[in-house]
């Protein structure tokens, strides 16, 4: 079974989009742990789909990293897949591909996709994000989309849960821990995931000092030296993507 960990915070309509993309998966043996870190609307949305594979739970801590750890504690699958509440899977064979890759060898599976710039439910721009990650590249940049990542549950038994001290960079920290334990990074073909960039998460750009402090924590923990503050859109631009003309508001 695949356990899909979905933290959520007060955006039930976006969560429903993520869950419906999960229900469209052709691989049926999954459970979704929807961990509500907000007002309970995520649990109500999860239960509204009347799918016994979708389980709504309250966060036992505080914040997105603790929400993921709450999901991990209740997961019963042999494989963990990550999915944010405002993202979704484009490819209905995504979980099939994940399971097949991890049956071949244990490691961290990742997949490329698109950054979807949205406003009021409308897509403004679709930015390709499909980069190869290596243990060396992880020392400078995070080229992985968390929504496309999956791995054996046993890795947490060996390496522990996600680190709440890493805050914004919990995912990068996890990839570094997995890689340094000797597990391979396994890239799946095709752009199968969609990562939403919208008004509710663009506030990320306004938290520059907090993000910089969190990045310094990551660098100190892993001995990475000075890191440049970036987000996925900056990485996409560095790879050669140029924005098309924006749709008028």
Protein backbone atom coordinates (compact mmCIF):
# COMPACT_ATOMS: atom_id res chain seq x y z
CA UNK A 1 0.00 0.00 0.00
CA UNK A 2 1.01 3.61 -0.63
CA UNK A 3 0.36 6.11 2.19
CA UNK A 4 -0.12 9.61 0.78
CA UNK A 5 0.63 12.34 3.34
CA UNK A 6 -1.39 15.54 2.76
CA UNK A 7 -1.09 18.37 5.31
CA UNK A 8 -3.79 21.02 4.94
CA UNK A 9 -4.59 24.44 6.34
CA UNK A 10 -7.95 26.16 5.74
CA UNK A 11 -8.27 25.71 1.95
CA UNK A 12 -10.78 22.90 1.43
CA UNK A 13 -11.50 23.63 -2.24
CA UNK A 14 -7.83 23.29 -3.19
CA UNK A 15 -7.59 20.19 -1.03
CA UNK A 16 -10.51 18.63 -2.91
CA UNK A 17 -8.67 19.17 -6.19
CA UNK A 18 -5.64 17.33 -4.80
CA UNK A 19 -7.79 14.48 -3.48
CA UNK A 20 -9.67 14.08 -6.75
CA UNK A 21 -6.37 13.76 -8.59
CA UNK A 22 -5.54 10.98 -6.16
CA UNK A 23 -8.87 9.27 -6.77
CA UNK A 24 -8.11 9.31 -10.51
CA UNK A 25 -5.01 7.21 -9.97
CA UNK A 26 -5.20 3.86 -11.73
CA UNK A 27 -3.24 2.24 -8.90
CA UNK A 28 -5.97 1.58 -6.31
CA UNK A 29 -4.03 0.40 -3.24
CA UNK A 30 -3.50 3.67 -1.40
CA UNK A 31 -4.59 5.56 1.66
CA UNK A 32 -4.58 9.35 2.09
CA UNK A 33 -3.74 10.82 5.48
CA UNK A 34 -5.24 14.33 5.37
CA UNK A 35 -3.74 16.08 8.39
CA UNK A 36 -5.66 19.22 9.33
CA UNK A 37 -3.49 21.97 10.81
CA UNK A 38 -6.28 24.55 10.73
CA UNK A 39 -9.95 25.01 11.51
CA UNK A 40 -11.15 21.50 10.66
CA UNK A 41 -12.42 22.34 7.17
CA UNK A 42 -9.88 19.94 5.67
CA UNK A 43 -11.29 17.00 7.61
CA UNK A 44 -14.82 17.91 6.52
CA UNK A 45 -13.69 18.15 2.89
CA UNK A 46 -11.90 14.79 3.11
CA UNK A 47 -14.95 13.08 4.57
CA UNK A 48 -17.26 14.69 2.00
CA UNK A 49 -15.76 12.47 -0.72
CA UNK A 50 -17.01 9.36 1.12
CA UNK A 51 -13.94 7.37 0.14
CA UNK A 52 -12.81 5.00 2.91
CA UNK A 53 -9.23 5.33 1.69
CA UNK A 54 -9.23 9.03 2.67
CA UNK A 55 -8.62 9.54 6.40
CA UNK A 56 -8.92 12.94 8.06
CA UNK A 57 -6.91 13.52 11.24
CA UNK A 58 -5.99 16.47 13.46
CA UNK A 59 -2.40 17.62 13.62
CA UNK A 60 -0.88 16.45 16.89
CA UNK A 61 1.66 19.29 16.80
CA UNK A 62 1.75 22.70 15.16
CA UNK A 63 2.78 23.66 11.64
CA UNK A 64 3.26 21.86 8.34
CA UNK A 65 6.23 19.72 9.37
CA UNK A 66 4.53 18.41 12.49
CA UNK A 67 1.43 17.74 10.35
CA UNK A 68 3.49 15.52 8.09
CA UNK A 69 4.92 13.71 11.09
CA UNK A 70 1.39 13.18 12.42
CA UNK A 71 0.52 11.59 9.07
CA UNK A 72 3.61 9.40 9.20
CA UNK A 73 2.70 8.14 12.65
CA UNK A 74 -0.65 6.88 11.34
CA UNK A 75 0.54 5.62 7.94
CA UNK A 76 0.13 1.89 7.32
CA UNK A 77 1.63 1.69 3.82
CA UNK A 78 5.07 0.40 2.86
CA UNK A 79 5.57 3.43 0.60
CA UNK A 80 5.20 7.10 1.54
CA UNK A 81 4.16 9.59 -1.16
CA UNK A 82 4.01 13.33 -0.55
CA UNK A 83 1.23 15.59 -1.84
CA UNK A 84 0.55 19.18 -0.77
CA UNK A 85 -3.06 20.27 -0.42
CA UNK A 86 -2.82 22.93 -3.14
CA UNK A 87 -0.98 20.70 -5.65
CA UNK A 88 -2.16 17.73 -7.67
CA UNK A 89 -1.01 14.83 -9.85
CA UNK A 90 -1.50 15.26 -13.58
CA UNK A 91 -0.68 11.69 -14.53
CA UNK A 92 -3.20 8.98 -13.50
CA UNK A 93 -0.38 6.42 -13.71
CA UNK A 94 1.83 8.33 -11.25
CA UNK A 95 1.46 5.85 -8.38
CA UNK A 96 1.92 2.90 -10.74
CA UNK A 97 5.25 4.39 -11.79
CA UNK A 98 6.26 5.05 -8.17
CA UNK A 99 5.48 1.50 -7.03
CA UNK A 100 7.24 -0.09 -10.02
CA UNK A 101 10.39 1.99 -9.45
CA UNK A 102 10.55 1.22 -5.72
CA UNK A 103 10.01 -2.49 -6.29
CA UNK A 104 13.16 -2.43 -8.43
CA UNK A 105 15.28 -0.73 -5.75
CA UNK A 106 14.91 1.22 -2.54
CA UNK A 107 15.54 4.94 -2.85
CA UNK A 108 13.86 8.31 -3.16
CA UNK A 109 11.70 8.60 -6.26
CA UNK A 110 11.05 12.06 -7.66
CA UNK A 111 9.29 13.46 -10.68
CA UNK A 112 9.19 16.68 -12.65
CA UNK A 113 6.12 18.69 -13.51
CA UNK A 114 4.91 22.25 -13.78
CA UNK A 115 4.67 25.31 -11.59
CA UNK A 116 1.14 26.60 -12.18
CA UNK A 117 0.69 30.32 -11.57
CA UNK A 118 -2.96 30.82 -10.62
CA UNK A 119 -5.24 33.69 -9.71
CA UNK A 120 -8.87 33.30 -8.62
CA UNK A 121 -8.89 29.74 -9.93
CA UNK A 122 -7.54 30.69 -13.37
CA UNK A 123 -4.25 29.43 -14.74
CA UNK A 124 -2.02 32.34 -15.78
CA UNK A 125 1.18 30.53 -16.61
CA UNK A 126 2.60 27.01 -16.72
CA UNK A 127 6.33 26.81 -15.99
CA UNK A 128 8.14 23.54 -16.74
CA UNK A 129 10.11 22.23 -13.76
CA UNK A 130 11.94 19.02 -14.60
CA UNK A 131 15.50 18.80 -13.31
CA UNK A 132 17.85 15.95 -12.56
CA UNK A 133 18.93 15.83 -8.93
CA UNK A 134 22.13 14.22 -7.67
CA UNK A 135 23.78 13.99 -4.25
CA UNK A 136 26.17 16.70 -5.47
CA UNK A 137 23.46 19.05 -6.78
CA UNK A 138 21.58 18.79 -3.47
CA UNK A 139 24.52 20.48 -1.78
CA UNK A 140 23.63 23.72 -3.61
CA UNK A 141 19.98 23.58 -4.71
CA UNK A 142 16.74 21.70 -4.15
CA UNK A 143 15.70 20.53 -7.61
CA UNK A 144 12.92 18.24 -6.35
CA UNK A 145 9.20 18.94 -6.14
CA UNK A 146 7.91 17.55 -2.85
CA UNK A 147 4.60 16.68 -4.49
CA UNK A 148 6.48 14.30 -6.79
CA UNK A 149 8.52 12.55 -4.08
CA UNK A 150 8.00 9.03 -2.72
CA UNK A 151 10.12 6.46 -0.87
CA UNK A 152 9.91 3.34 1.34
CA UNK A 153 8.36 3.89 4.77
CA UNK A 154 11.34 2.03 6.23
CA UNK A 155 13.57 5.05 5.59
CA UNK A 156 11.88 6.84 8.48
CA UNK A 157 12.50 3.85 10.72
CA UNK A 158 16.20 4.26 9.95
CA UNK A 159 16.50 8.07 9.71
CA UNK A 160 13.71 9.37 11.94
CA UNK A 161 10.82 11.72 11.14
CA UNK A 162 10.93 15.05 9.33
CA UNK A 163 12.84 17.71 11.28
CA UNK A 164 10.52 20.55 12.44
CA UNK A 165 13.58 22.74 13.07
CA UNK A 166 14.13 22.93 9.31
CA UNK A 167 10.76 24.71 8.78
CA UNK A 168 10.64 25.88 5.12
CA UNK A 169 13.41 23.46 4.19
CA UNK A 170 12.09 20.26 5.80
CA UNK A 171 11.99 18.60 2.35
CA UNK A 172 15.52 19.58 1.33
CA UNK A 173 16.76 18.38 4.72
CA UNK A 174 15.00 15.03 4.19
CA UNK A 175 16.48 14.56 0.70
CA UNK A 176 19.97 15.26 2.05
CA UNK A 177 19.49 12.77 4.89
CA UNK A 178 18.27 10.08 2.50
CA UNK A 179 21.06 10.72 0.02
CA UNK A 180 23.77 10.73 2.67
CA UNK A 181 22.48 7.41 3.98
CA UNK A 182 23.45 5.96 0.60
CA UNK A 183 20.03 5.70 -1.05
CA UNK A 184 19.76 6.64 -4.73
CA UNK A 185 17.69 9.48 -6.18
CA UNK A 186 15.45 7.91 -8.84
CA UNK A 187 13.97 10.22 -11.46
CA UNK A 188 10.70 9.14 -13.05
CA UNK A 189 10.12 10.14 -16.69
CA UNK A 190 7.60 12.75 -17.74
CA UNK A 191 6.11 15.81 -16.07
CA UNK A 192 3.46 14.25 -13.89
CA UNK A 193 2.82 16.75 -11.08
CA UNK A 194 1.40 20.26 -10.78
CA UNK A 195 2.59 22.69 -8.11
CA UNK A 196 0.29 25.65 -7.58
CA UNK A 197 1.65 29.16 -7.13
CA UNK A 198 -1.18 31.42 -5.99
CA UNK A 199 -2.02 34.35 -3.76
CA UNK A 200 -2.21 32.28 -0.59
CA UNK A 201 1.33 30.93 -0.93
CA UNK A 202 3.07 33.86 -2.59
CA UNK A 203 3.41 35.37 0.91
CA UNK A 204 6.41 33.01 1.02
CA UNK A 205 8.25 35.73 -0.92
CA UNK A 206 7.47 38.31 1.79
CA UNK A 207 9.22 36.26 4.50
CA UNK A 208 12.72 36.80 3.24
CA UNK A 209 14.44 37.21 6.62
CA UNK A 210 12.67 34.22 8.14
CA UNK A 211 13.49 32.10 5.11
CA UNK A 212 17.10 33.23 5.22
CA UNK A 213 17.40 32.21 8.87
CA UNK A 214 15.87 28.82 8.12
CA UNK A 215 18.23 28.35 5.18
CA UNK A 216 21.17 29.10 7.46
CA UNK A 217 19.92 26.41 9.85
CA UNK A 218 19.86 23.91 7.00
CA UNK A 219 23.36 24.90 5.88
CA UNK A 220 24.73 24.60 9.41
CA UNK A 221 23.12 21.22 10.00
CA UNK A 222 24.58 19.74 6.82
CA UNK A 223 27.80 21.74 6.55
CA UNK A 224 26.79 23.28 3.21
CA UNK A 225 28.48 26.66 3.50
CA UNK A 226 26.79 29.80 2.15
CA UNK A 227 23.60 29.05 0.20
CA UNK A 228 21.76 31.40 -2.12
CA UNK A 229 18.13 32.08 -1.22
CA UNK A 230 15.97 30.76 -4.07
CA UNK A 231 12.56 29.35 -4.81
CA UNK A 232 11.45 26.98 -7.57
CA UNK A 233 10.61 29.84 -9.95
CA UNK A 234 14.15 31.21 -9.62
CA UNK A 235 15.57 27.74 -10.27
CA UNK A 236 13.34 27.39 -13.36
CA UNK A 237 14.60 30.76 -14.63
CA UNK A 238 18.22 29.75 -14.04
CA UNK A 239 17.56 26.67 -16.17
CA UNK A 240 16.56 28.86 -19.11
CA UNK A 241 12.80 29.27 -18.74
CA UNK A 242 11.53 32.69 -19.77
CA UNK A 243 8.02 33.80 -18.77
CA UNK A 244 5.52 34.19 -21.56
CA UNK A 245 3.38 37.29 -21.78
CA UNK A 246 1.12 37.41 -18.77
CA UNK A 247 -2.63 37.17 -19.10
CA UNK A 248 -4.16 40.55 -18.30
CA UNK A 249 -5.94 40.73 -14.96
